[in-house]
Amino acid sequence: MPITEREEHGKDKVSFRCSDVGPKNCEWQISGNSEAEIMPKIEQHGREKHNMKIDEDTRKKVHSAIHKKAA
């Protein structure tokens, strides 16, 4: 998969807040350069802090809650 010029220069960032998918009182959030970069950390947080089983349904919810933001 080719890297677009926009991704290469880091113009678009992505972010995720746990409270958008998980417990509403969790303030954990993460941002990074791509979904692929932050997804493992999101899954680790879910497993370790909320004892969540990360299945395909959970991944879809997380994917829909990841926001793109301009740098």
N, C-alpha and C. Protein backbone atom coordinates (compact mmCIF):
# COMPACT_ATOMS: atom_id res chain seq x y z
N MET A 1 0.84 -1.18 0.00
CA MET A 1 0.00 0.00 0.00
C MET A 1 0.89 1.24 0.00
N PRO A 2 0.79 2.08 -1.00
CA PRO A 2 1.67 3.24 -1.07
C PRO A 2 1.33 4.29 0.01
N ILE A 3 2.36 4.94 0.46
CA ILE A 3 2.18 6.01 1.44
C ILE A 3 1.90 7.29 0.67
N THR A 4 0.82 7.96 1.03
CA THR A 4 0.52 9.22 0.36
C THR A 4 1.45 10.30 0.88
N GLU A 5 1.59 11.34 0.12
CA GLU A 5 2.45 12.45 0.54
C GLU A 5 1.96 13.04 1.86
N ARG A 6 0.65 13.10 2.03
CA ARG A 6 0.07 13.66 3.25
C ARG A 6 0.48 12.83 4.47
N GLU A 7 0.39 11.50 4.36
CA GLU A 7 0.78 10.63 5.47
C GLU A 7 2.28 10.74 5.74
N GLU A 8 3.05 10.81 4.67
CA GLU A 8 4.50 10.85 4.80
C GLU A 8 4.96 12.08 5.57
N HIS A 9 4.31 13.18 5.38
CA HIS A 9 4.70 14.42 6.05
C HIS A 9 3.95 14.63 7.37
N GLY A 10 3.11 13.68 7.76
CA GLY A 10 2.46 13.76 9.05
C GLY A 10 1.42 14.86 9.17
N LYS A 11 0.81 15.25 8.07
CA LYS A 11 -0.18 16.32 8.12
C LYS A 11 -1.46 15.88 8.84
N ASP A 12 -1.85 14.63 8.64
CA ASP A 12 -3.04 14.11 9.30
C ASP A 12 -2.63 13.27 10.50
N LYS A 13 -3.27 13.52 11.61
CA LYS A 13 -3.05 12.73 12.81
C LYS A 13 -4.37 12.04 13.15
N VAL A 14 -4.29 11.02 13.97
CA VAL A 14 -5.50 10.35 14.42
C VAL A 14 -5.51 10.35 15.94
N SER A 15 -6.72 10.31 16.49
CA SER A 15 -6.82 10.28 17.95
C SER A 15 -7.99 9.39 18.35
N PHE A 16 -7.93 8.92 19.59
CA PHE A 16 -8.95 8.02 20.13
C PHE A 16 -9.10 8.30 21.62
N ARG A 17 -10.35 8.35 22.06
CA ARG A 17 -10.65 8.49 23.50
C ARG A 17 -11.36 7.23 23.95
N CYS A 18 -10.89 6.62 25.00
CA CYS A 18 -11.47 5.39 25.51
C CYS A 18 -12.95 5.57 25.84
N SER A 19 -13.30 6.71 26.39
CA SER A 19 -14.68 6.94 26.82
C SER A 19 -15.67 6.94 25.66
N ASP A 20 -15.18 7.07 24.42
CA ASP A 20 -16.08 7.00 23.26
C ASP A 20 -16.58 5.58 23.01
N VAL A 21 -15.86 4.59 23.51
CA VAL A 21 -16.22 3.19 23.28
C VAL A 21 -16.42 2.44 24.60
N GLY A 22 -15.56 2.72 25.55
CA GLY A 22 -15.56 1.98 26.82
C GLY A 22 -16.25 2.76 27.92
N PRO A 23 -15.77 2.55 29.15
CA PRO A 23 -16.37 3.24 30.30
C PRO A 23 -16.32 4.76 30.14
N LYS A 24 -17.44 5.39 30.40
CA LYS A 24 -17.55 6.85 30.20
C LYS A 24 -16.65 7.63 31.15
N ASN A 25 -16.24 7.02 32.26
CA ASN A 25 -15.41 7.75 33.23
C ASN A 25 -13.91 7.54 32.98
N CYS A 26 -13.54 6.81 31.91
CA CYS A 26 -12.12 6.61 31.61
C CYS A 26 -11.62 7.80 30.80
N GLU A 27 -10.56 8.43 31.28
CA GLU A 27 -10.04 9.62 30.62
C GLU A 27 -8.86 9.32 29.70
N TRP A 28 -8.53 8.03 29.51
CA TRP A 28 -7.38 7.65 28.69
C TRP A 28 -7.63 8.02 27.24
N GLN A 29 -6.61 8.57 26.60
CA GLN A 29 -6.70 8.87 25.18
C GLN A 29 -5.32 8.74 24.56
N ILE A 30 -5.31 8.62 23.25
CA ILE A 30 -4.05 8.44 22.52
C ILE A 30 -4.18 9.12 21.18
N SER A 31 -3.05 9.57 20.67
CA SER A 31 -3.02 10.08 19.30
C SER A 31 -1.75 9.59 18.64
N GLY A 32 -1.76 9.59 17.33
CA GLY A 32 -0.59 9.13 16.59
C GLY A 32 -0.71 9.49 15.13
N ASN A 33 0.17 8.92 14.33
CA ASN A 33 0.22 9.24 12.91
C ASN A 33 -0.72 8.40 12.06
N SER A 34 -1.15 7.26 12.58
CA SER A 34 -2.02 6.38 11.80
C SER A 34 -2.80 5.46 12.74
N GLU A 35 -3.88 4.91 12.20
CA GLU A 35 -4.65 3.93 12.96
C GLU A 35 -3.79 2.71 13.28
N ALA A 36 -2.98 2.29 12.32
CA ALA A 36 -2.12 1.12 12.53
C ALA A 36 -1.14 1.35 13.68
N GLU A 37 -0.71 2.59 13.87
CA GLU A 37 0.23 2.91 14.94
C GLU A 37 -0.44 2.84 16.32
N ILE A 38 -1.67 3.35 16.43
CA ILE A 38 -2.29 3.43 17.76
C ILE A 38 -3.14 2.22 18.13
N MET A 39 -3.57 1.44 17.14
CA MET A 39 -4.48 0.32 17.43
C MET A 39 -3.92 -0.68 18.44
N PRO A 40 -2.65 -1.10 18.33
CA PRO A 40 -2.13 -2.04 19.33
C PRO A 40 -2.16 -1.48 20.75
N LYS A 41 -1.91 -0.18 20.88
CA LYS A 41 -1.92 0.45 22.20
C LYS A 41 -3.35 0.54 22.75
N ILE A 42 -4.31 0.78 21.86
CA ILE A 42 -5.73 0.82 22.26
C ILE A 42 -6.15 -0.56 22.76
N GLU A 43 -5.78 -1.59 22.00
CA GLU A 43 -6.14 -2.95 22.39
C GLU A 43 -5.49 -3.32 23.73
N GLN A 44 -4.24 -2.95 23.90
CA GLN A 44 -3.55 -3.24 25.16
C GLN A 44 -4.24 -2.53 26.33
N HIS A 45 -4.62 -1.29 26.14
CA HIS A 45 -5.32 -0.54 27.19
C HIS A 45 -6.64 -1.24 27.55
N GLY A 46 -7.39 -1.63 26.56
CA GLY A 46 -8.67 -2.30 26.80
C GLY A 46 -8.51 -3.59 27.59
N ARG A 47 -7.51 -4.37 27.21
CA ARG A 47 -7.27 -5.65 27.91
C ARG A 47 -6.80 -5.42 29.34
N GLU A 48 -5.81 -4.52 29.51
CA GLU A 48 -5.18 -4.36 30.82
C GLU A 48 -6.01 -3.55 31.81
N LYS A 49 -6.67 -2.51 31.35
CA LYS A 49 -7.39 -1.62 32.27
C LYS A 49 -8.86 -1.97 32.42
N HIS A 50 -9.45 -2.59 31.40
CA HIS A 50 -10.89 -2.85 31.44
C HIS A 50 -11.23 -4.33 31.28
N ASN A 51 -10.20 -5.18 31.25
CA ASN A 51 -10.39 -6.62 31.14
C ASN A 51 -11.29 -6.98 29.95
N MET A 52 -11.10 -6.25 28.85
CA MET A 52 -11.93 -6.46 27.66
C MET A 52 -11.34 -7.55 26.78
N LYS A 53 -12.21 -8.31 26.15
CA LYS A 53 -11.81 -9.26 25.11
C LYS A 53 -11.89 -8.49 23.80
N ILE A 54 -10.77 -8.41 23.10
CA ILE A 54 -10.72 -7.62 21.87
C ILE A 54 -11.09 -8.54 20.70
N ASP A 55 -12.34 -8.47 20.30
CA ASP A 55 -12.82 -9.28 19.18
C ASP A 55 -13.11 -8.37 17.98
N GLU A 56 -13.59 -8.94 16.91
CA GLU A 56 -13.83 -8.17 15.68
C GLU A 56 -14.86 -7.06 15.90
N ASP A 57 -15.88 -7.33 16.69
CA ASP A 57 -16.91 -6.33 16.98
C ASP A 57 -16.31 -5.14 17.73
N THR A 58 -15.47 -5.44 18.70
CA THR A 58 -14.81 -4.37 19.47
C THR A 58 -13.91 -3.54 18.56
N ARG A 59 -13.17 -4.23 17.67
CA ARG A 59 -12.29 -3.50 16.74
C ARG A 59 -13.09 -2.56 15.84
N LYS A 60 -14.27 -3.00 15.40
CA LYS A 60 -15.11 -2.14 14.56
C LYS A 60 -15.55 -0.90 15.34
N LYS A 61 -15.93 -1.08 16.60
CA LYS A 61 -16.34 0.07 17.43
C LYS A 61 -15.18 1.03 17.61
N VAL A 62 -14.00 0.49 17.88
CA VAL A 62 -12.81 1.33 18.05
C VAL A 62 -12.51 2.07 16.75
N HIS A 63 -12.53 1.35 15.64
CA HIS A 63 -12.25 1.95 14.33
C HIS A 63 -13.18 3.15 14.06
N SER A 64 -14.45 2.99 14.37
CA SER A 64 -15.40 4.07 14.11
C SER A 64 -15.21 5.24 15.07
N ALA A 65 -14.52 5.01 16.19
CA ALA A 65 -14.31 6.09 17.16
C ALA A 65 -12.96 6.79 17.00
N ILE A 66 -12.13 6.30 16.07
CA ILE A 66 -10.85 6.96 15.81
C ILE A 66 -11.12 8.16 14.91
N HIS A 67 -10.64 9.30 15.36
CA HIS A 67 -10.90 10.56 14.65
C HIS A 67 -9.64 11.03 13.95
N LYS A 68 -9.81 11.52 12.74
CA LYS A 68 -8.70 12.16 12.04
C LYS A 68 -8.70 13.63 12.42
N LYS A 69 -7.51 14.16 12.61
CA LYS A 69 -7.43 15.60 12.92
C LYS A 69 -6.24 16.18 12.18
N ALA A 70 -6.40 17.37 11.71
CA ALA A 70 -5.32 18.05 11.00
C ALA A 70 -4.27 18.49 12.01
N ALA A 71 -3.01 18.39 11.60
CA ALA A 71 -1.91 18.76 12.49
C ALA A 71 -1.79 20.26 12.61
